[in-house]
Structures are given as C-alpha cells and as structure tokens.
Amino acid sequence: MSATTHAPRAKLIIPALGRLYSALHDAGETLLRAVAGGFLAIHGSQKIVNPFGATEMVEGLGFYPGVFWSPLLACTEFFGGILIALGLFTRPAAFAGLIVLLVTVWFHWVTMGQGFSGAEKSLLWAAILTFFVIRGGNRHSVDARIGKAF
C-alpha cells in the first residue's frame, strides 16, 4: 500500500450534479478567498486610516510597545486582506491574519471570559484562514499566474 493512497470518491446521490460540482470547485474556493480577503481588508481599513488608534487596545492585551503593534495590526488586516483577496503571497498573508485572529480568540474567550460565544466569529475566521495557509491561492490567483508560491 502506497503512502499516497487516496480514499475513493463518494458516489453522488444525483450523479448528474457531478459535472456542476467539478465545474464550480475552483470557483467556489476562489470566491471564498476573495470574500475573506476583502472582508479582512474592509475591517482593517478602519485601522489603516489611523494606524496608532489601537495603541491602547494592543497594550491592554499585553503587546508592548503599542506604537509598534498597532500599525502592524492595521497593516496585517488591511494589506494582508488585499493580498489574500488577490491570491498574492496567499499563505504568508493568511498566516499573519491567522495569528491576529488567534489573539482575538484568546482575548474574547479567556481575557473577557466570553467563552465560545464571544470567540465564535474569530474561530470561524481563523478556520477560513487556516484553509488558505494550507491550500494557498489555487489556480485563480496571482501566485499561480506568476508561477511562484510559498
């Protein structure tokens, strides 16, 4: 038995849908990447216009000096979101965003004591970015167009 053995594909209940699912496979992944990156950039756009605006917040989380971490947070969300949406440097951009989201999970779950209900949205975002850390940008990305990826 080889190490690359793949499990057989499940048979579809409606086999005629197989072509549709195959045709939409890459498009669905591309749409998820574009939406996730776009939303992350929109969220970060509020911070990028005032990159030092979150200084007190990040220091309240224990990240000192805030004048370093606040602009880094703004750039990670805004520029990282744009990179993810485009599929350029997809894995490193998604990894940086994932780190930010894991901090927000810790903040809501532990620091604020909100548990799962407080961290739920951050966990969902973290799962989406984990997918792109693992998969990269797919064939509909700038990474694929230039023939280079991390």
N, C-alpha and C. Protein backbone atom coordinates (compact mmCIF):
# COMPACT_ATOMS: atom_id res chain seq x y z
N MET A 1 0.85 -1.17 0.00
CA MET A 1 0.00 0.00 0.00
C MET A 1 0.90 1.23 0.00
N SER A 2 0.60 2.16 -0.85
CA SER A 2 1.41 3.37 -1.01
C SER A 2 0.98 4.44 -0.02
N ALA A 3 1.92 5.34 0.28
CA ALA A 3 1.62 6.44 1.20
C ALA A 3 0.71 7.47 0.57
N THR A 4 0.55 7.42 -0.74
CA THR A 4 -0.29 8.40 -1.43
C THR A 4 -1.66 7.82 -1.78
N THR A 5 -2.05 6.75 -1.13
CA THR A 5 -3.35 6.16 -1.41
C THR A 5 -4.44 7.14 -1.04
N HIS A 6 -5.37 7.34 -1.96
CA HIS A 6 -6.48 8.24 -1.72
C HIS A 6 -7.75 7.44 -1.50
N ALA A 7 -8.61 7.94 -0.65
CA ALA A 7 -9.89 7.29 -0.43
C ALA A 7 -10.73 7.44 -1.69
N PRO A 8 -11.49 6.44 -2.04
CA PRO A 8 -12.34 6.56 -3.24
C PRO A 8 -13.38 7.66 -3.05
N ARG A 9 -13.73 8.30 -4.16
CA ARG A 9 -14.73 9.35 -4.10
C ARG A 9 -16.10 8.77 -3.80
N ALA A 10 -16.84 9.48 -3.01
CA ALA A 10 -18.20 9.04 -2.69
C ALA A 10 -19.07 9.16 -3.94
N LYS A 11 -19.95 8.22 -4.10
CA LYS A 11 -20.86 8.27 -5.24
C LYS A 11 -21.97 9.26 -4.92
N LEU A 12 -22.26 10.10 -5.88
CA LEU A 12 -23.29 11.12 -5.70
C LEU A 12 -24.67 10.50 -5.74
N ILE A 13 -25.56 11.01 -4.93
CA ILE A 13 -26.95 10.56 -4.95
C ILE A 13 -27.58 10.95 -6.29
N ILE A 14 -27.21 12.14 -6.76
CA ILE A 14 -27.67 12.59 -8.09
C ILE A 14 -26.43 12.73 -8.96
N PRO A 15 -26.05 11.68 -9.68
CA PRO A 15 -24.81 11.70 -10.45
C PRO A 15 -24.71 12.83 -11.47
N ALA A 16 -25.83 13.30 -11.96
CA ALA A 16 -25.82 14.38 -12.96
C ALA A 16 -25.22 15.66 -12.39
N LEU A 17 -25.19 15.81 -11.06
CA LEU A 17 -24.63 17.01 -10.45
C LEU A 17 -23.10 16.99 -10.41
N GLY A 18 -22.50 15.86 -10.70
CA GLY A 18 -21.05 15.72 -10.66
C GLY A 18 -20.33 16.74 -11.53
N ARG A 19 -20.82 16.97 -12.72
CA ARG A 19 -20.20 17.95 -13.62
C ARG A 19 -20.29 19.35 -13.04
N LEU A 20 -21.45 19.68 -12.48
CA LEU A 20 -21.63 21.01 -11.89
C LEU A 20 -20.67 21.20 -10.72
N TYR A 21 -20.57 20.22 -9.85
CA TYR A 21 -19.67 20.32 -8.70
C TYR A 21 -18.22 20.46 -9.16
N SER A 22 -17.83 19.70 -10.16
CA SER A 22 -16.46 19.80 -10.69
C SER A 22 -16.20 21.17 -11.28
N ALA A 23 -17.18 21.69 -12.02
CA ALA A 23 -17.01 22.99 -12.65
C ALA A 23 -16.90 24.12 -11.62
N LEU A 24 -17.59 24.00 -10.51
CA LEU A 24 -17.63 25.05 -9.50
C LEU A 24 -16.57 24.90 -8.41
N HIS A 25 -15.83 23.80 -8.43
CA HIS A 25 -14.87 23.53 -7.36
C HIS A 25 -13.88 24.67 -7.16
N ASP A 26 -13.14 25.02 -8.20
CA ASP A 26 -12.15 26.10 -8.08
C ASP A 26 -12.81 27.46 -7.91
N ALA A 27 -13.95 27.66 -8.57
CA ALA A 27 -14.63 28.95 -8.47
C ALA A 27 -15.12 29.19 -7.04
N GLY A 28 -15.61 28.15 -6.39
CA GLY A 28 -16.07 28.29 -5.01
C GLY A 28 -14.93 28.63 -4.07
N GLU A 29 -13.78 27.99 -4.26
CA GLU A 29 -12.62 28.28 -3.42
C GLU A 29 -12.11 29.70 -3.67
N THR A 30 -12.12 30.11 -4.94
CA THR A 30 -11.68 31.47 -5.29
C THR A 30 -12.62 32.50 -4.68
N LEU A 31 -13.92 32.25 -4.74
CA LEU A 31 -14.90 33.16 -4.15
C LEU A 31 -14.68 33.28 -2.64
N LEU A 32 -14.45 32.17 -1.97
CA LEU A 32 -14.21 32.21 -0.52
C LEU A 32 -12.96 33.03 -0.22
N ARG A 33 -11.89 32.84 -1.00
CA ARG A 33 -10.66 33.60 -0.78
C ARG A 33 -10.87 35.08 -1.01
N ALA A 34 -11.57 35.43 -2.09
CA ALA A 34 -11.80 36.85 -2.40
C ALA A 34 -12.68 37.52 -1.35
N VAL A 35 -13.71 36.83 -0.91
CA VAL A 35 -14.60 37.41 0.11
C VAL A 35 -13.88 37.53 1.45
N ALA A 36 -13.18 36.48 1.86
CA ALA A 36 -12.46 36.53 3.14
C ALA A 36 -11.41 37.64 3.12
N GLY A 37 -10.64 37.72 2.05
CA GLY A 37 -9.63 38.77 1.95
C GLY A 37 -10.25 40.15 1.89
N GLY A 38 -11.31 40.28 1.12
CA GLY A 38 -11.99 41.58 1.02
C GLY A 38 -12.56 42.03 2.34
N PHE A 39 -13.21 41.12 3.06
CA PHE A 39 -13.77 41.48 4.36
C PHE A 39 -12.68 41.83 5.37
N LEU A 40 -11.56 41.10 5.33
CA LEU A 40 -10.46 41.41 6.23
C LEU A 40 -9.88 42.79 5.92
N ALA A 41 -9.78 43.12 4.62
CA ALA A 41 -9.28 44.44 4.23
C ALA A 41 -10.25 45.54 4.65
N ILE A 42 -11.54 45.30 4.50
CA ILE A 42 -12.54 46.29 4.93
C ILE A 42 -12.45 46.50 6.44
N HIS A 43 -12.31 45.41 7.18
CA HIS A 43 -12.18 45.52 8.64
C HIS A 43 -10.91 46.30 9.00
N GLY A 44 -9.83 46.05 8.28
CA GLY A 44 -8.57 46.74 8.54
C GLY A 44 -8.54 48.17 8.04
N SER A 45 -9.44 48.53 7.12
CA SER A 45 -9.43 49.89 6.57
C SER A 45 -9.73 50.93 7.65
N GLN A 46 -10.49 50.55 8.64
CA GLN A 46 -10.78 51.46 9.75
C GLN A 46 -9.52 51.72 10.56
N LYS A 47 -8.63 50.73 10.61
CA LYS A 47 -7.39 50.88 11.37
C LYS A 47 -6.30 51.55 10.56
N ILE A 48 -6.29 51.35 9.24
CA ILE A 48 -5.19 51.87 8.43
C ILE A 48 -5.25 53.39 8.31
N VAL A 49 -6.44 53.98 8.43
CA VAL A 49 -6.53 55.45 8.37
C VAL A 49 -6.01 56.09 9.65
N ASN A 50 -5.98 55.33 10.73
CA ASN A 50 -5.42 55.80 12.00
C ASN A 50 -4.60 54.65 12.60
N PRO A 51 -3.40 54.41 12.05
CA PRO A 51 -2.65 53.22 12.46
C PRO A 51 -2.25 53.17 13.92
N PHE A 52 -2.25 54.31 14.60
CA PHE A 52 -1.90 54.32 16.03
C PHE A 52 -3.14 54.35 16.91
N GLY A 53 -4.31 54.23 16.31
CA GLY A 53 -5.56 54.31 17.06
C GLY A 53 -5.80 53.14 17.99
N ALA A 54 -5.16 52.01 17.73
CA ALA A 54 -5.37 50.83 18.57
C ALA A 54 -4.24 50.63 19.57
N THR A 55 -3.42 51.67 19.77
CA THR A 55 -2.25 51.56 20.65
C THR A 55 -2.65 51.11 22.05
N GLU A 56 -3.64 51.77 22.64
CA GLU A 56 -4.06 51.40 24.00
C GLU A 56 -4.65 50.01 24.05
N MET A 57 -5.42 49.65 23.01
CA MET A 57 -6.04 48.34 22.98
C MET A 57 -4.99 47.23 22.95
N VAL A 58 -3.98 47.36 22.08
CA VAL A 58 -2.98 46.30 21.99
C VAL A 58 -2.11 46.25 23.26
N GLU A 59 -1.86 47.40 23.86
CA GLU A 59 -1.13 47.38 25.13
C GLU A 59 -1.98 46.75 26.23
N GLY A 60 -3.29 46.96 26.18
CA GLY A 60 -4.19 46.32 27.13
C GLY A 60 -4.18 44.80 27.01
N LEU A 61 -3.80 44.31 25.83
CA LEU A 61 -3.69 42.87 25.62
C LEU A 61 -2.30 42.35 25.99
N GLY A 62 -1.40 43.28 26.34
CA GLY A 62 -0.06 42.88 26.74
C GLY A 62 0.99 42.99 25.65
N PHE A 63 0.64 43.64 24.54
CA PHE A 63 1.59 43.82 23.44
C PHE A 63 2.23 45.20 23.54
N TYR A 64 3.48 45.22 24.01
CA TYR A 64 4.21 46.48 24.18
C TYR A 64 5.39 46.51 23.22
N PRO A 65 5.75 47.64 22.68
CA PRO A 65 5.06 48.92 22.74
C PRO A 65 3.90 48.97 21.74
N GLY A 66 2.83 49.57 22.15
CA GLY A 66 1.65 49.69 21.31
C GLY A 66 1.89 50.46 20.03
N VAL A 67 2.85 51.41 20.06
CA VAL A 67 3.13 52.19 18.84
C VAL A 67 3.77 51.32 17.77
N PHE A 68 4.28 50.14 18.13
CA PHE A 68 4.78 49.18 17.15
C PHE A 68 3.66 48.24 16.70
N TRP A 69 2.93 47.69 17.67
CA TRP A 69 1.94 46.66 17.38
C TRP A 69 0.68 47.19 16.72
N SER A 70 0.26 48.40 17.04
CA SER A 70 -0.95 48.95 16.46
C SER A 70 -0.84 49.12 14.93
N PRO A 71 0.22 49.75 14.41
CA PRO A 71 0.34 49.83 12.95
C PRO A 71 0.53 48.46 12.30
N LEU A 72 1.21 47.55 13.00
CA LEU A 72 1.39 46.21 12.47
C LEU A 72 0.05 45.50 12.34
N LEU A 73 -0.82 45.67 13.33
CA LEU A 73 -2.17 45.11 13.27
C LEU A 73 -2.93 45.70 12.09
N ALA A 74 -2.87 47.02 11.93
CA ALA A 74 -3.57 47.69 10.84
C ALA A 74 -3.08 47.18 9.48
N CYS A 75 -1.78 47.08 9.32
CA CYS A 75 -1.21 46.61 8.04
C CYS A 75 -1.54 45.15 7.78
N THR A 76 -1.49 44.33 8.82
CA THR A 76 -1.80 42.91 8.66
C THR A 76 -3.23 42.73 8.18
N GLU A 77 -4.16 43.43 8.78
CA GLU A 77 -5.56 43.29 8.38
C GLU A 77 -5.82 43.90 7.01
N PHE A 78 -5.37 45.13 6.79
CA PHE A 78 -5.69 45.82 5.55
C PHE A 78 -4.92 45.25 4.35
N PHE A 79 -3.59 45.31 4.41
CA PHE A 79 -2.79 44.84 3.28
C PHE A 79 -2.83 43.32 3.15
N GLY A 80 -2.85 42.64 4.30
CA GLY A 80 -2.98 41.17 4.25
C GLY A 80 -4.28 40.74 3.62
N GLY A 81 -5.36 41.45 3.93
CA GLY A 81 -6.65 41.14 3.31
C GLY A 81 -6.62 41.33 1.81
N ILE A 82 -5.99 42.41 1.36
CA ILE A 82 -5.87 42.65 -0.09
C ILE A 82 -5.06 41.53 -0.74
N LEU A 83 -3.94 41.15 -0.11
CA LEU A 83 -3.11 40.08 -0.66
C LEU A 83 -3.87 38.76 -0.74
N ILE A 84 -4.63 38.44 0.29
CA ILE A 84 -5.42 37.21 0.29
C ILE A 84 -6.46 37.26 -0.82
N ALA A 85 -7.16 38.38 -0.95
CA ALA A 85 -8.18 38.50 -1.99
C ALA A 85 -7.58 38.31 -3.38
N LEU A 86 -6.40 38.87 -3.61
CA LEU A 86 -5.74 38.74 -4.90
C LEU A 86 -5.10 37.37 -5.10
N GLY A 87 -4.79 36.72 -4.00
CA GLY A 87 -4.06 35.47 -4.09
C GLY A 87 -2.58 35.69 -4.32
N LEU A 88 -2.04 36.75 -3.76
CA LEU A 88 -0.62 37.07 -3.87
C LEU A 88 0.01 36.89 -2.49
N PHE A 89 1.06 36.08 -2.41
CA PHE A 89 1.65 35.72 -1.13
C PHE A 89 0.55 35.21 -0.18
N THR A 90 -0.31 34.37 -0.72
CA THR A 90 -1.52 33.93 -0.01
C THR A 90 -1.20 33.28 1.33
N ARG A 91 -0.29 32.33 1.33
CA ARG A 91 -0.01 31.62 2.59
C ARG A 91 0.56 32.53 3.67
N PRO A 92 1.60 33.34 3.39
CA PRO A 92 2.10 34.20 4.47
C PRO A 92 1.08 35.24 4.93
N ALA A 93 0.30 35.78 4.00
CA ALA A 93 -0.72 36.76 4.38
C ALA A 93 -1.79 36.11 5.25
N ALA A 94 -2.21 34.91 4.86
CA ALA A 94 -3.23 34.19 5.64
C ALA A 94 -2.66 33.79 7.00
N PHE A 95 -1.39 33.42 7.06
CA PHE A 95 -0.76 33.06 8.33
C PHE A 95 -0.71 34.26 9.28
N ALA A 96 -0.34 35.42 8.76
CA ALA A 96 -0.30 36.63 9.59
C ALA A 96 -1.69 36.97 10.11
N GLY A 97 -2.69 36.89 9.24
CA GLY A 97 -4.07 37.12 9.67
C GLY A 97 -4.53 36.10 10.69
N LEU A 98 -4.09 34.85 10.51
CA LEU A 98 -4.44 33.79 11.46
C LEU A 98 -3.89 34.09 12.85
N ILE A 99 -2.67 34.59 12.93
CA ILE A 99 -2.09 34.94 14.23
C ILE A 99 -2.94 36.03 14.91
N VAL A 100 -3.32 37.05 14.14
CA VAL A 100 -4.17 38.12 14.69
C VAL A 100 -5.47 37.53 15.21
N LEU A 101 -6.08 36.63 14.45
CA LEU A 101 -7.35 36.05 14.86
C LEU A 101 -7.22 35.15 16.08
N LEU A 102 -6.13 34.44 16.18
CA LEU A 102 -5.93 33.61 17.37
C LEU A 102 -5.78 34.48 18.62
N VAL A 103 -5.17 35.65 18.47
CA VAL A 103 -5.10 36.60 19.60
C VAL A 103 -6.51 37.06 19.97
N THR A 104 -7.36 37.33 18.97
CA THR A 104 -8.73 37.76 19.28
C THR A 104 -9.53 36.63 19.93
N VAL A 105 -9.25 35.38 19.54
CA VAL A 105 -9.91 34.24 20.20
C VAL A 105 -9.51 34.24 21.67
N TRP A 106 -8.23 34.36 21.94
CA TRP A 106 -7.74 34.39 23.34
C TRP A 106 -8.39 35.55 24.10
N PHE A 107 -8.41 36.72 23.46
CA PHE A 107 -8.97 37.90 24.11
C PHE A 107 -10.43 37.68 24.51
N HIS A 108 -11.25 37.24 23.56
CA HIS A 108 -12.68 37.07 23.85
C HIS A 108 -12.94 35.89 24.78
N TRP A 109 -12.27 34.77 24.52
CA TRP A 109 -12.56 33.55 25.27
C TRP A 109 -12.03 33.63 26.70
N VAL A 110 -10.76 34.03 26.82
CA VAL A 110 -10.10 33.97 28.13
C VAL A 110 -10.12 35.32 28.84
N THR A 111 -9.56 36.35 28.20
CA THR A 111 -9.42 37.64 28.86
C THR A 111 -10.79 38.23 29.22
N MET A 112 -11.71 38.23 28.26
CA MET A 112 -13.04 38.79 28.51
C MET A 112 -13.97 37.77 29.16
N GLY A 113 -13.58 36.51 29.19
CA GLY A 113 -14.40 35.47 29.81
C GLY A 113 -15.70 35.18 29.08
N GLN A 114 -15.72 35.44 27.77
CA GLN A 114 -16.95 35.24 26.99
C GLN A 114 -17.11 33.82 26.48
N GLY A 115 -16.07 33.01 26.59
CA GLY A 115 -16.15 31.63 26.13
C GLY A 115 -16.37 31.53 24.64
N PHE A 116 -16.95 30.39 24.25
CA PHE A 116 -17.16 30.12 22.83
C PHE A 116 -18.01 31.19 22.15
N SER A 117 -19.06 31.62 22.83
CA SER A 117 -19.98 32.58 22.19
C SER A 117 -19.29 33.90 21.86
N GLY A 118 -18.32 34.30 22.65
CA GLY A 118 -17.60 35.53 22.37
C GLY A 118 -16.53 35.36 21.30
N ALA A 119 -15.98 34.15 21.21
CA ALA A 119 -14.89 33.89 20.27
C ALA A 119 -15.35 33.24 18.98
N GLU A 120 -16.64 32.96 18.86
CA GLU A 120 -17.17 32.19 17.74
C GLU A 120 -16.80 32.78 16.38
N LYS A 121 -16.99 34.07 16.20
CA LYS A 121 -16.69 34.68 14.90
C LYS A 121 -15.20 34.61 14.60
N SER A 122 -14.37 34.86 15.58
CA SER A 122 -12.92 34.78 15.38
C SER A 122 -12.48 33.36 15.06
N LEU A 123 -13.11 32.38 15.69
CA LEU A 123 -12.80 30.98 15.39
C LEU A 123 -13.15 30.63 13.96
N LEU A 124 -14.30 31.11 13.49
CA LEU A 124 -14.70 30.85 12.11
C LEU A 124 -13.71 31.48 11.14
N TRP A 125 -13.35 32.74 11.38
CA TRP A 125 -12.36 33.41 10.54
C TRP A 125 -11.02 32.69 10.58
N ALA A 126 -10.62 32.23 11.76
CA ALA A 126 -9.35 31.51 11.89
C ALA A 126 -9.39 30.21 11.08
N ALA A 127 -10.51 29.52 11.08
CA ALA A 127 -10.64 28.29 10.30
C ALA A 127 -10.52 28.58 8.80
N ILE A 128 -11.14 29.66 8.34
CA ILE A 128 -11.06 30.03 6.93
C ILE A 128 -9.61 30.35 6.55
N LEU A 129 -8.93 31.14 7.38
CA LEU A 129 -7.55 31.49 7.06
C LEU A 129 -6.63 30.28 7.17
N THR A 130 -6.91 29.36 8.08
CA THR A 130 -6.13 28.13 8.15
C THR A 130 -6.23 27.36 6.84
N PHE A 131 -7.41 27.33 6.26
CA PHE A 131 -7.60 26.67 4.97
C PHE A 131 -6.65 27.25 3.92
N PHE A 132 -6.54 28.58 3.88
CA PHE A 132 -5.67 29.21 2.87
C PHE A 132 -4.20 29.13 3.23
N VAL A 133 -3.86 29.01 4.51
CA VAL A 133 -2.47 28.75 4.89
C VAL A 133 -2.06 27.39 4.33
N ILE A 134 -2.95 26.43 4.41
CA ILE A 134 -2.66 25.08 3.94
C ILE A 134 -2.72 24.98 2.41
N ARG A 135 -3.78 25.50 1.81
CA ARG A 135 -4.02 25.33 0.37
C ARG A 135 -3.33 26.34 -0.51
N GLY A 136 -3.10 27.54 -0.03
CA GLY A 136 -2.57 28.58 -0.91
C GLY A 136 -3.70 29.21 -1.71
N GLY A 137 -3.34 29.84 -2.80
CA GLY A 137 -4.31 30.65 -3.54
C GLY A 137 -5.13 29.95 -4.60
N ASN A 138 -4.82 28.81 -5.05
CA ASN A 138 -5.39 27.99 -6.11
C ASN A 138 -5.03 28.55 -7.49
N ARG A 139 -5.56 27.95 -8.53
CA ARG A 139 -5.14 28.32 -9.88
C ARG A 139 -5.66 29.67 -10.33
N HIS A 140 -6.64 30.22 -9.63
CA HIS A 140 -7.17 31.54 -9.94
C HIS A 140 -6.57 32.58 -8.99
N SER A 141 -5.27 32.64 -8.91
CA SER A 141 -4.61 33.57 -8.01
C SER A 141 -3.41 34.19 -8.72
N VAL A 142 -2.94 35.30 -8.19
CA VAL A 142 -1.74 35.92 -8.73
C VAL A 142 -0.55 34.98 -8.53
N ASP A 143 -0.51 34.30 -7.38
CA ASP A 143 0.56 33.33 -7.14
C ASP A 143 0.66 32.33 -8.30
N ALA A 144 -0.47 31.80 -8.73
CA ALA A 144 -0.48 30.83 -9.83
C ALA A 144 -0.07 31.48 -11.15
N ARG A 145 -0.51 32.71 -11.37
CA ARG A 145 -0.18 33.41 -12.63
C ARG A 145 1.31 33.66 -12.76
N ILE A 146 1.98 33.98 -11.64
CA ILE A 146 3.41 34.23 -11.72
C ILE A 146 4.22 32.95 -11.55
N GLY A 147 3.53 31.86 -11.24
CA GLY A 147 4.20 30.57 -11.12
C GLY A 147 5.05 30.40 -9.87
N LYS A 148 4.76 31.18 -8.84
CA LYS A 148 5.52 31.10 -7.60
C LYS A 148 4.55 31.14 -6.42
N ALA A 149 4.85 30.34 -5.43
CA ALA A 149 4.03 30.35 -4.22
C ALA A 149 4.89 29.90 -3.05
N PHE A 150 4.53 30.31 -1.85
CA PHE A 150 5.24 29.87 -0.66
C PHE A 150 4.82 28.44 -0.35
